[in-house]
Each structure stands twice: as C-alpha cells, then as structure tokens.
C-alpha atoms as a PDB file:
ATOM      1  CA  MET A   1     180.889   5.602-151.816  1.00  0.00           C
ATOM      2  CA  ILE A   2     177.970   4.869-151.025  1.00  0.00           C
ATOM      3  CA  GLY A   3     178.814   3.357-147.729  1.00  0.00           C
ATOM      4  CA  HIS A   4     179.498   6.252-145.851  1.00  0.00           C
ATOM      5  CA  LEU A   5     175.851   7.492-146.152  1.00  0.00           C
ATOM      6  CA  ARG A   6     175.725   4.859-144.144  1.00  0.00           C
ATOM      7  CA  ASP A   7     177.623   7.748-141.166  1.00  0.00           C
ATOM      8  CA  TYR A   8     175.011   9.230-139.311  1.00  0.00           C
ATOM      9  CA  ALA A   9     175.975  12.926-140.346  1.00  0.00           C
ATOM     10  CA  ASN A  10     177.005  12.310-143.833  1.00  0.00           C
ATOM     11  CA  ALA A  11     173.030  11.584-144.164  1.00  0.00           C
ATOM     12  CA  ILE A  12     172.068  14.232-141.982  1.00  0.00           C
ATOM     13  CA  THR A  13     173.365  16.074-145.236  1.00  0.00           C
ATOM     14  CA  ALA A  14     172.062  14.065-147.897  1.00  0.00           C
ATOM     15  CA  LEU A  15     168.764  14.452-146.479  1.00  0.00           C
ATOM     16  CA  ALA A  16     169.844  18.524-146.652  1.00  0.00           C
ATOM     17  CA  PHE A  17     170.398  18.105-150.160  1.00  0.00           C
ATOM     18  CA  LEU A  18     167.088  16.190-150.351  1.00  0.00           C
ATOM     19  CA  PHE A  19     165.274  19.600-149.579  1.00  0.00           C
ATOM     20  CA  ALA A  20     167.345  22.121-151.484  1.00  0.00           C
ATOM     21  CA  VAL A  21     166.433  20.067-154.697  1.00  0.00           C
ATOM     22  CA  VAL A  22     163.269  20.602-153.512  1.00  0.00           C
ATOM     23  CA  GLY A  23     163.485  24.402-152.994  1.00  0.00           C
ATOM     24  CA  LEU A  24     165.046  24.328-156.326  1.00  0.00           C
ATOM     25  CA  TYR A  25     162.634  22.937-157.515  1.00  0.00           C
ATOM     26  CA  LEU A  26     159.378  25.027-156.169  1.00  0.00           C
ATOM     27  CA  ALA A  27     161.554  28.499-155.987  1.00  0.00           C
ATOM     28  CA  LEU A  28     162.181  27.735-160.283  1.00  0.00           C
ATOM     29  CA  ASN A  29     158.591  27.283-160.790  1.00  0.00           C
ATOM     30  CA  GLY A  30     157.172  30.589-159.530  1.00  0.00           C
ATOM     31  CA  ARG A  31     157.237  29.279-155.613  1.00  0.00           C
ATOM     32  CA  ILE A  32     159.767  30.933-154.003  1.00  0.00           C
ATOM     33  CA  GLU A  33     158.459  31.409-151.141  1.00  0.00           C
ATOM     34  CA  LEU A  34     158.149  28.059-150.519  1.00  0.00           C
ATOM     35  CA  GLY A  35     161.305  26.776-151.874  1.00  0.00           C
ATOM     36  CA  VAL A  36     163.394  29.186-149.374  1.00  0.00           C
ATOM     37  CA  ALA A  37     161.146  27.755-146.840  1.00  0.00           C
ATOM     38  CA  ALA A  38     161.945  24.576-147.714  1.00  0.00           C
ATOM     39  CA  MET A  39     165.770  26.221-148.693  1.00  0.00           C
ATOM     40  CA  LEU A  40     165.527  27.015-144.088  1.00  0.00           C
ATOM     41  CA  TRP A  41     165.539  22.982-144.024  1.00  0.00           C
ATOM     42  CA  THR A  42     169.094  22.725-145.336  1.00  0.00           C
ATOM     43  CA  TRP A  43     170.257  25.492-143.778  1.00  0.00           C
ATOM     44  CA  PHE A  44     169.709  24.030-140.217  1.00  0.00           C
ATOM     45  CA  LEU A  45     170.425  20.910-141.348  1.00  0.00           C
ATOM     46  CA  ASP A  46     173.298  21.612-142.334  1.00  0.00           C
ATOM     47  CA  HIS A  47     174.309  22.955-138.963  1.00  0.00           C
ATOM     48  CA  TRP A  48     172.804  19.434-137.083  1.00  0.00           C
ATOM     49  CA  ASP A  49     175.776  17.712-139.731  1.00  0.00           C
ATOM     50  CA  GLY A  50     178.603  19.153-138.432  1.00  0.00           C
ATOM     51  CA  HIS A  51     176.799  18.618-134.504  1.00  0.00           C
ATOM     52  CA  VAL A  52     176.504  15.304-134.953  1.00  0.00           C
ATOM     53  CA  ALA A  53     179.643  15.171-136.698  1.00  0.00           C
ATOM     54  CA  ARG A  54     181.389  16.236-133.804  1.00  0.00           C
ATOM     55  CA  LYS A  55     179.519  14.538-131.220  1.00  0.00           C
ATOM     56  CA  THR A  56     180.104  10.920-132.930  1.00  0.00           C
ATOM     57  CA  SER A  57     184.043  11.832-134.433  1.00  0.00           C
ATOM     58  CA  HIS A  58     185.334   8.879-132.271  1.00  0.00           C
ATOM     59  CA  LEU A  59     182.770   6.635-134.007  1.00  0.00           C
ATOM     60  CA  ARG A  60     183.795   7.116-137.691  1.00  0.00           C
ATOM     61  CA  ARG A  61     185.549   4.544-139.911  1.00  0.00           C
ATOM     62  CA  PRO A  62     188.454   6.062-141.137  1.00  0.00           C
ATOM     63  CA  GLY A  63     188.099   8.812-144.953  1.00  0.00           C
ATOM     64  CA  VAL A  64     184.392   9.255-143.593  1.00  0.00           C
ATOM     65  CA  ALA A  65     185.211  12.587-141.859  1.00  0.00           C
ATOM     66  CA  ASP A  66     187.151  14.117-145.100  1.00  0.00           C
ATOM     67  CA  PHE A  67     184.065  12.777-147.629  1.00  0.00           C
ATOM     68  CA  GLY A  68     181.870  14.373-144.889  1.00  0.00           C
ATOM     69  CA  LYS A  69     183.723  17.826-144.916  1.00  0.00           C
ATOM     70  CA  SER A  70     183.311  17.834-148.936  1.00  0.00           C
ATOM     71  CA  PHE A  71     180.266  16.751-148.910  1.00  0.00           C
ATOM     72  CA  ASP A  72     178.678  19.344-146.393  1.00  0.00           C
ATOM     73  CA  GLY A  73     180.597  21.939-148.668  1.00  0.00           C
ATOM     74  CA  PHE A  74     179.256  20.727-151.580  1.00  0.00           C
ATOM     75  CA  ALA A  75     175.502  21.310-149.526  1.00  0.00           C
ATOM     76  CA  ASP A  76     177.102  24.644-148.429  1.00  0.00           C
ATOM     77  CA  PHE A  77     177.387  26.117-152.233  1.00  0.00           C
ATOM     78  CA  ILE A  78     174.294  25.016-153.439  1.00  0.00           C
ATOM     79  CA  HIS A  79     172.108  27.077-150.538  1.00  0.00           C
ATOM     80  CA  GLY A  80     174.414  29.440-149.263  1.00  0.00           C
ATOM     81  CA  VAL A  81     175.428  30.709-152.753  1.00  0.00           C
ATOM     82  CA  VAL A  82     173.695  29.010-156.209  1.00  0.00           C
ATOM     83  CA  PHE A  83     169.927  29.031-154.296  1.00  0.00           C
ATOM     84  CA  PRO A  84     170.364  32.821-153.346  1.00  0.00           C
ATOM     85  CA  ALA A  85     172.317  33.323-156.556  1.00  0.00           C
ATOM     86  CA  ALA A  86     168.946  32.181-158.249  1.00  0.00           C
ATOM     87  CA  VAL A  87     166.201  34.077-156.403  1.00  0.00           C
ATOM     88  CA  ILE A  88     167.437  37.274-156.627  1.00  0.00           C
ATOM     89  CA  ILE A  89     167.443  36.870-160.872  1.00  0.00           C
ATOM     90  CA  LEU A  90     163.946  35.258-160.062  1.00  0.00           C
ATOM     91  CA  ILE A  91     162.900  38.445-158.108  1.00  0.00           C
ATOM     92  CA  GLY A  92     164.928  40.909-160.375  1.00  0.00           C
ATOM     93  CA  GLN A  93     163.257  39.443-163.213  1.00  0.00           C
ATOM     94  CA  GLY A  94     167.406  39.565-165.115  1.00  0.00           C
ATOM     95  CA  SER A  95     168.134  43.005-164.676  1.00  0.00           C
ATOM     96  CA  VAL A  96     171.860  44.500-164.968  1.00  0.00           C
ATOM     97  CA  LEU A  97     171.321  44.485-160.566  1.00  0.00           C
ATOM     98  CA  SER A  98     170.360  41.033-160.214  1.00  0.00           C
ATOM     99  CA  LEU A  99     172.741  39.970-162.239  1.00  0.00           C
ATOM    100  CA  ILE A 100     175.002  41.772-160.897  1.00  0.00           C
ATOM    101  CA  ALA A 101     174.102  40.929-157.218  1.00  0.00           C
ATOM    102  CA  SER A 102     174.507  36.887-157.856  1.00  0.00           C
ATOM    103  CA  LEU A 103     177.594  37.230-160.127  1.00  0.00           C
ATOM    104  CA  LEU A 104     179.403  38.892-156.770  1.00  0.00           C
ATOM    105  CA  LEU A 105     177.310  36.557-154.645  1.00  0.00           C
ATOM    106  CA  VAL A 106     178.774  33.716-156.400  1.00  0.00           C
ATOM    107  CA  LEU A 107     181.646  34.776-157.092  1.00  0.00           C
ATOM    108  CA  ALA A 108     182.888  35.679-153.184  1.00  0.00           C
ATOM    109  CA  GLY A 109     181.174  32.028-151.789  1.00  0.00           C
ATOM    110  CA  ALA A 110     183.371  30.353-154.036  1.00  0.00           C
ATOM    111  CA  ILE A 111     186.433  32.624-152.711  1.00  0.00           C
ATOM    112  CA  ARG A 112     184.642  32.059-148.792  1.00  0.00           C
ATOM    113  CA  LEU A 113     184.229  27.939-149.864  1.00  0.00           C
ATOM    114  CA  SER A 114     187.813  27.779-150.881  1.00  0.00           C
ATOM    115  CA  TYR A 115     189.509  29.307-148.304  1.00  0.00           C
ATOM    116  CA  PHE A 116     187.248  28.007-145.287  1.00  0.00           C
ATOM    117  CA  GLU A 117     187.626  23.885-147.305  1.00  0.00           C
ATOM    118  CA  ASN A 118     192.330  24.832-146.045  1.00  0.00           C
ATOM    119  CA  VAL A 119     192.300  26.484-143.506  1.00  0.00           C
ATOM    120  CA  GLY A 120     188.999  26.499-141.804  1.00  0.00           C
ATOM    121  CA  LEU A 121     188.118  27.781-138.211  1.00  0.00           C
ATOM    122  CA  THR A 122     190.057  29.728-136.089  1.00  0.00           C
ATOM    123  CA  ALA A 123     192.177  28.843-132.788  1.00  0.00           C
ATOM    124  CA  ASP A 124     188.400  29.854-130.950  1.00  0.00           C
ATOM    125  CA  ALA A 125     185.712  28.642-133.090  1.00  0.00           C
ATOM    126  CA  ARG A 126     185.026  31.485-135.264  1.00  0.00           C
ATOM    127  CA  PHE A 127     184.897  31.893-139.107  1.00  0.00           C
ATOM    128  CA  VAL A 128     186.838  34.465-141.211  1.00  0.00           C
ATOM    129  CA  GLY A 129     184.288  36.668-142.944  1.00  0.00           C
ATOM    130  CA  LEU A 130     180.387  35.732-142.980  1.00  0.00           C
ATOM    131  CA  PRO A 131     179.942  32.393-143.744  1.00  0.00           C
ATOM    132  CA  VAL A 132     177.871  31.472-147.263  1.00  0.00           C
ATOM    133  CA  SER A 133     175.229  29.855-144.410  1.00  0.00           C
ATOM    134  CA  TYR A 134     173.757  33.409-143.200  1.00  0.00           C
ATOM    135  CA  ASP A 135     172.785  34.156-147.528  1.00  0.00           C
ATOM    136  CA  THR A 136     169.363  31.421-146.684  1.00  0.00           C
ATOM    137  CA  PRO A 137     168.362  33.130-143.584  1.00  0.00           C
ATOM    138  CA  LEU A 138     168.816  36.442-145.076  1.00  0.00           C
ATOM    139  CA  LEU A 139     166.068  35.407-147.783  1.00  0.00           C
ATOM    140  CA  ALA A 140     163.653  34.960-145.250  1.00  0.00           C
ATOM    141  CA  ILE A 141     163.788  37.946-143.894  1.00  0.00           C
ATOM    142  CA  LEU A 142     164.164  39.882-147.168  1.00  0.00           C
ATOM    143  CA  LEU A 143     160.555  37.660-148.187  1.00  0.00           C
ATOM    144  CA  LEU A 144     158.696  38.832-144.846  1.00  0.00           C
ATOM    145  CA  ALA A 145     159.669  42.225-145.215  1.00  0.00           C
ATOM    146  CA  GLN A 146     157.794  42.756-148.842  1.00  0.00           C
ATOM    147  CA  PRO A 147     154.821  43.298-147.751  1.00  0.00           C
ATOM    148  CA  PHE A 148     156.641  46.333-146.747  1.00  0.00           C
ATOM    149  CA  MET A 149     157.972  47.308-148.957  1.00  0.00           C
ATOM    150  CA  THR A 150     156.342  47.845-153.306  1.00  0.00           C
ATOM    151  CA  SER A 151     156.794  46.474-155.925  1.00  0.00           C
ATOM    152  CA  ASP A 152     159.745  48.699-157.331  1.00  0.00           C
ATOM    153  CA  MET A 153     161.069  49.026-154.078  1.00  0.00           C
ATOM    154  CA  PHE A 154     161.687  44.382-153.927  1.00  0.00           C
ATOM    155  CA  PRO A 155     164.150  43.795-156.380  1.00  0.00           C
ATOM    156  CA  ALA A 156     167.214  46.726-155.170  1.00  0.00           C
ATOM    157  CA  VAL A 157     166.370  45.641-152.300  1.00  0.00           C
ATOM    158  CA  VAL A 158     167.407  42.225-152.530  1.00  0.00           C
ATOM    159  CA  ALA A 159     169.781  43.161-154.913  1.00  0.00           C
ATOM    160  CA  SER A 160     171.682  45.757-152.799  1.00  0.00           C
ATOM    161  CA  ALA A 161     171.574  43.117-149.418  1.00  0.00           C
ATOM    162  CA  PHE A 162     173.544  40.327-151.227  1.00  0.00           C
ATOM    163  CA  ILE A 163     175.651  42.897-153.081  1.00  0.00           C
ATOM    164  CA  PHE A 164     176.799  43.729-149.415  1.00  0.00           C
ATOM    165  CA  PHE A 165     176.883  39.980-148.250  1.00  0.00           C
ATOM    166  CA  ALA A 166     179.203  39.046-151.095  1.00  0.00           C
ATOM    167  CA  ILE A 167     181.083  41.472-149.601  1.00  0.00           C
ATOM    168  CA  MET A 168     180.768  40.349-145.911  1.00  0.00           C
ATOM    169  CA  HIS A 169     181.729  36.656-147.123  1.00  0.00           C
ATOM    170  CA  VAL A 170     185.499  37.549-148.329  1.00  0.00           C
ATOM    171  CA  THR A 171     186.210  40.416-145.774  1.00  0.00           C
ATOM    172  CA  THR A 172     188.626  38.835-143.501  1.00  0.00           C
ATOM    173  CA  ALA A 173     188.120  42.232-140.870  1.00  0.00           C
ATOM    174  CA  ILE A 174     185.332  40.250-139.327  1.00  0.00           C
ATOM    175  CA  ARG A 175     185.276  37.144-136.991  1.00  0.00           C
ATOM    176  CA  VAL A 176     181.702  35.085-136.902  1.00  0.00           C
ATOM    177  CA  PRO A 177     180.907  32.473-134.469  1.00  0.00           C
ATOM    178  CA  ALA A 178     180.408  29.239-135.586  1.00  0.00           C
ATOM    179  CA  ILE A 179     177.206  28.543-134.407  1.00  0.00           C
ATOM    180  CA  ARG A 180     177.219  25.042-132.445  1.00  0.00           C
ATOM    181  CA  GLY A 181     175.841  23.780-128.746  1.00  0.00           C
ATOM    182  CA  ALA A 182     172.590  25.112-127.543  1.00  0.00           C
ATOM    183  CA  ALA A 183     172.572  27.832-130.848  1.00  0.00           C
ATOM    184  CA  VAL A 184     172.138  24.953-132.788  1.00  0.00           C
ATOM    185  CA  ALA A 185     168.509  23.994-131.693  1.00  0.00           C
ATOM    186  CA  ILE A 186     167.524  27.305-131.138  1.00  0.00           C
ATOM    187  CA  ALA A 187     168.405  28.066-134.680  1.00  0.00           C
ATOM    188  CA  THR A 188     166.595  25.111-135.372  1.00  0.00           C
ATOM    189  CA  VAL A 189     163.531  26.848-133.669  1.00  0.00           C
ATOM    190  CA  GLY A 190     163.738  29.963-135.650  1.00  0.00           C
ATOM    191  CA  ALA A 191     164.483  28.415-139.016  1.00  0.00           C
ATOM    192  CA  ILE A 192     161.156  26.132-138.162  1.00  0.00           C
ATOM    193  CA  ALA A 193     159.062  29.180-137.171  1.00  0.00           C
ATOM    194  CA  ALA A 194     160.366  31.103-140.206  1.00  0.00           C
ATOM    195  CA  SER A 195     159.361  27.999-142.868  1.00  0.00           C
ATOM    196  CA  ILE A 196     155.870  28.258-142.158  1.00  0.00           C
ATOM    197  CA  ALA A 197     155.973  31.427-141.509  1.00  0.00           C
ATOM    198  CA  LEU A 198     156.876  31.775-145.547  1.00  0.00           C
ATOM    199  CA  VAL A 199     153.794  28.992-145.969  1.00  0.00           C
ATOM    200  CA  MET A 200     151.305  31.145-144.696  1.00  0.00           C
ATOM    201  CA  GLN A 201     152.285  34.307-146.596  1.00  0.00           C
ATOM    202  CA  GLU A 202     152.598  32.364-149.646  1.00  0.00           C
ATOM    203  CA  ASN A 203     149.467  30.839-148.626  1.00  0.00           C
ATOM    204  CA  ILE A 204     147.828  34.314-148.751  1.00  0.00           C
ATOM    205  CA  GLY A 205     149.359  35.882-151.725  1.00  0.00           C
ATOM    206  CA  THR A 206     147.534  32.709-153.753  1.00  0.00           C
END
C-alpha cells in the first residue's frame, strides 16, 4: 500500500496532502491568508502530479495509475471543496449565507468529482463543468482584493462568488480546457506569486 508512493506522481500527490494539512491548520487558527497561500502549493502540485503521471506512464507498475487517480481525487476534494467551504464559514463568521454557500459548494463539489471519476475528460481533453481546482485560486483572488472592500461587504462577496462557482461546477453547458503542457508551468508561477503576495498581505495586517 505505502509502496504506491514510490511512484513519482503519487509522491507529488502525497506532498500536496502535506501542504493541504498545513493550509487547514493555519486557516483554522485564524491565519486565513497563510492558509490559502499554503493551499496554493497543494493546487499547483495537483497539476504536476498529473503531468508527471503522463510523462512516466510507461514506467508505472500495474495498479499504480488506478491508485493515483483515487489518491488525487481525495486531494481535489480537500483543496477544492473542504478547504474553501471551511474558509467561507470562517470569513462569514458562521452567517446563514456562509452556511448556504458552503453547503452548496460541498454538494456540487462531490457531484462534480464523482462525475469526473466515472466519465473523465472529453475527447478533446476538456472538463464538463468548472473543475473544483478553480476554487483555491478564487479564494486567493478574493483575499487579495479584500483591502478594496468594506468589512461588511467582503463576507457577502465571498459567499456569493462560491454560490456561483457551485452552480458552474455542475453545469454541463461549459467545457473547460485541462491545464497541461506549458500551462502547468504558468499555473505554478502564478500560484507561487499569489502565495507570496498573500504572505506579504498577512504580514502587513499583523
């Protein structure tokens, strides 16, 4: 069982889980910006594990790819569903709107991931509906925009944005290209830059 982590792609996913736990720990201890910064590393590592899996497919032992697909799905659920849902409630300080947004996000995220697990990408490598992996970058963008909003406005904007994303997760009307090839490196640079900006914002606020 543990031997599956000797696979390069699965090892990257395991590292992503470590950043996810750190992100949850920081957010639940009131350091939301730092938590999202850490979760952005989980986010870009989630793209690298798929990239490495495709590049090393000829080296992977029987069963390793199937394990990796499920292993990666749990990481997606943490950084794309559970973490944002928790942060929405923290930012909204337990308001009814934050609860509604979190409930919708968890339900839509579970449906979205279950659908992908069984159907996968389209023939032209596109997702049906918005992937849950877009939720962590949305959190980062919203937090970086927080200084431009009033304290009363920000929680409502966050909750409303994720209600919209929950709907987009389960719609079949859109097709979203998978992040592959050069886009993986671009996403990585963007995530690291955003994580640094969030750390700086946290330091300014304290």
